[in-house]
Amino acid sequence: MSSPSLKDLPKVAVDLKSQLEGFNTENMKKADTNEKIVLPTAEDVAQEKTQKAFTEALIEGVAGFDVGKLKHTETQEKNPLPDKNAIEVEKEQKQLISGIENFDPKKLKPTVTEEKNPLPTKEVIAEEKQA
């Protein structure tokens, strides 16, 4: 792959080019550069090595485990069936739900509501305000 020719390179505006060429670095503020990366101490390295050795020993122990040392166990499923009372209660609930779903509102009697506690009129409210 060859390098691009001068005519293929992007063009920089003349005023920007003159600003870049005439830039004075002495006008910049001084900055203190502190390295934030802290290297581990000898204790950290030693502790990491012991942890690594422990995990390797643990993995080897799991990989080399003898399945023949395990004891056979019987699994007992504890899923009791519901008793007669629970079945009867469930049947009653199903009958109640089906009764509600199949209800015919045409069987209801018409009613007329009478308002026994009417709201006060404007005159009564005006008399109470004056008193």
Protein backbone atom coordinates (compact mmCIF):
# COMPACT_ATOMS: atom_id res chain seq x y z
CA MET A 1 0.00 0.00 0.00
CA SER A 2 1.50 3.35 -1.02
CA SER A 3 1.21 6.64 0.84
CA PRO A 4 -1.37 9.10 -0.51
CA SER A 5 -0.23 11.86 -2.76
CA LEU A 6 -0.28 15.51 -1.76
CA LYS A 7 -3.37 16.24 -3.83
CA ASP A 8 -5.33 13.43 -2.05
CA LEU A 9 -4.69 14.80 1.46
CA PRO A 10 -7.42 16.94 3.11
CA LYS A 11 -7.00 20.69 2.78
CA VAL A 12 -6.59 22.91 5.88
CA ALA A 13 -8.06 26.39 5.85
CA VAL A 14 -5.47 29.15 5.45
CA ASP A 15 -6.46 31.06 8.63
CA LEU A 16 -6.35 27.87 10.73
CA LYS A 17 -2.98 26.96 9.26
CA SER A 18 -1.55 30.38 10.12
CA GLN A 19 -2.91 30.13 13.70
CA LEU A 20 -1.33 26.72 14.15
CA GLU A 21 2.02 27.85 12.80
CA GLY A 22 2.07 31.00 14.98
CA PHE A 23 0.96 29.23 18.22
CA ASN A 24 3.08 30.17 21.24
CA THR A 25 3.40 27.33 23.78
CA GLU A 26 4.60 29.72 26.51
CA ASN A 27 1.03 31.03 26.91
CA MET A 28 -0.14 27.63 28.11
CA LYS A 29 -0.64 26.99 31.84
CA LYS A 30 1.71 24.64 33.62
CA ALA A 31 0.13 21.31 34.52
CA ASP A 32 1.44 18.85 37.09
CA THR A 33 1.28 15.31 35.74
CA ASN A 34 0.83 12.66 38.40
CA GLU A 35 0.84 9.01 37.53
CA LYS A 36 -2.33 7.49 38.96
CA ILE A 37 -1.37 3.84 38.39
CA VAL A 38 -0.11 2.31 41.62
CA LEU A 39 1.98 -0.81 41.32
CA PRO A 40 1.14 -3.69 43.66
CA THR A 41 3.30 -4.20 46.71
CA ALA A 42 5.28 -7.37 47.42
CA GLU A 43 2.58 -8.40 49.92
CA ASP A 44 -0.13 -8.06 47.25
CA VAL A 45 1.85 -10.22 44.83
CA ALA A 46 2.48 -12.88 47.51
CA GLN A 47 -1.19 -12.93 48.49
CA GLU A 48 -2.23 -13.29 44.84
CA LYS A 49 0.14 -16.22 44.40
CA THR A 50 -1.31 -18.02 47.44
CA GLN A 51 -4.86 -17.42 46.15
CA LYS A 52 -3.89 -18.75 42.74
CA ALA A 53 -2.34 -21.87 44.31
CA PHE A 54 -5.48 -22.38 46.41
CA THR A 55 -7.83 -22.13 43.40
CA GLU A 56 -5.65 -24.47 41.36
CA ALA A 57 -5.68 -27.03 44.21
CA LEU A 58 -9.47 -26.66 44.48
CA ILE A 59 -9.94 -27.24 40.74
CA GLU A 60 -7.66 -30.28 40.84
CA GLY A 61 -9.65 -31.64 43.80
CA VAL A 62 -12.92 -31.28 41.92
CA ALA A 63 -11.50 -32.76 38.71
CA GLY A 64 -9.95 -35.73 40.53
CA PHE A 65 -13.01 -36.50 42.72
CA ASP A 66 -13.89 -40.21 42.96
CA VAL A 67 -17.61 -40.67 42.31
CA GLY A 68 -17.43 -44.14 43.87
CA LYS A 69 -17.17 -42.56 47.34
CA LEU A 70 -20.69 -41.15 47.12
CA LYS A 71 -23.54 -42.83 48.99
CA HIS A 72 -26.77 -43.80 47.22
CA THR A 73 -29.90 -41.99 48.40
CA GLU A 74 -33.59 -42.48 47.73
CA THR A 75 -35.62 -39.50 46.63
CA GLN A 76 -38.99 -39.13 48.33
CA GLU A 77 -41.53 -36.99 46.50
CA LYS A 78 -43.74 -35.10 48.90
CA ASN A 79 -46.67 -34.05 46.76
CA PRO A 80 -49.75 -34.99 48.80
CA LEU A 81 -53.10 -35.24 47.07
CA PRO A 82 -55.89 -32.99 48.40
CA ASP A 83 -58.33 -34.52 50.90
CA LYS A 84 -62.11 -34.85 50.38
CA ASN A 85 -62.90 -31.56 52.13
CA ALA A 86 -60.60 -29.57 49.86
CA ILE A 87 -62.16 -31.21 46.78
CA GLU A 88 -65.70 -30.36 47.98
CA VAL A 89 -64.76 -26.74 48.66
CA GLU A 90 -63.29 -26.44 45.17
CA LYS A 91 -66.46 -27.92 43.62
CA GLU A 92 -68.61 -25.39 45.52
CA GLN A 93 -66.43 -22.53 44.28
CA LYS A 94 -66.76 -23.77 40.68
CA GLN A 95 -70.55 -23.95 41.04
CA LEU A 96 -70.64 -20.43 42.46
CA ILE A 97 -68.51 -19.07 39.61
CA SER A 98 -70.64 -20.83 36.98
CA GLY A 99 -73.79 -19.41 38.66
CA ILE A 100 -72.38 -15.89 38.38
CA GLU A 101 -71.31 -16.36 34.75
CA ASN A 102 -74.71 -17.75 33.71
CA PHE A 103 -76.77 -15.11 35.59
CA ASP A 104 -79.69 -13.64 33.60
CA PRO A 105 -80.25 -9.96 34.49
CA LYS A 106 -83.73 -10.09 32.89
CA LYS A 107 -84.95 -11.98 35.98
CA LEU A 108 -84.41 -8.92 38.19
CA LYS A 109 -87.44 -6.89 39.36
CA PRO A 110 -87.56 -3.21 38.42
CA THR A 111 -87.02 -0.79 41.31
CA VAL A 112 -87.64 2.90 41.85
CA THR A 113 -85.14 4.80 43.98
CA GLU A 114 -86.50 7.53 46.25
CA GLU A 115 -84.13 10.20 47.48
CA LYS A 116 -84.75 10.55 51.21
CA ASN A 117 -82.03 13.10 51.92
CA PRO A 118 -82.46 15.85 49.30
CA LEU A 119 -79.91 18.62 48.93
CA PRO A 120 -80.93 22.04 50.29
CA THR A 121 -82.26 24.64 47.85
CA LYS A 122 -80.61 28.00 47.14
CA GLU A 123 -83.09 29.79 49.43
CA VAL A 124 -82.27 27.55 52.40
CA ILE A 125 -78.53 28.08 51.83
CA ALA A 126 -79.03 31.87 51.65
CA GLU A 127 -81.02 31.84 54.93
CA GLU A 128 -78.26 29.88 56.67
CA LYS A 129 -75.62 32.32 55.46
CA GLN A 130 -77.60 35.28 56.85
CA ALA A 131 -78.07 33.68 60.28
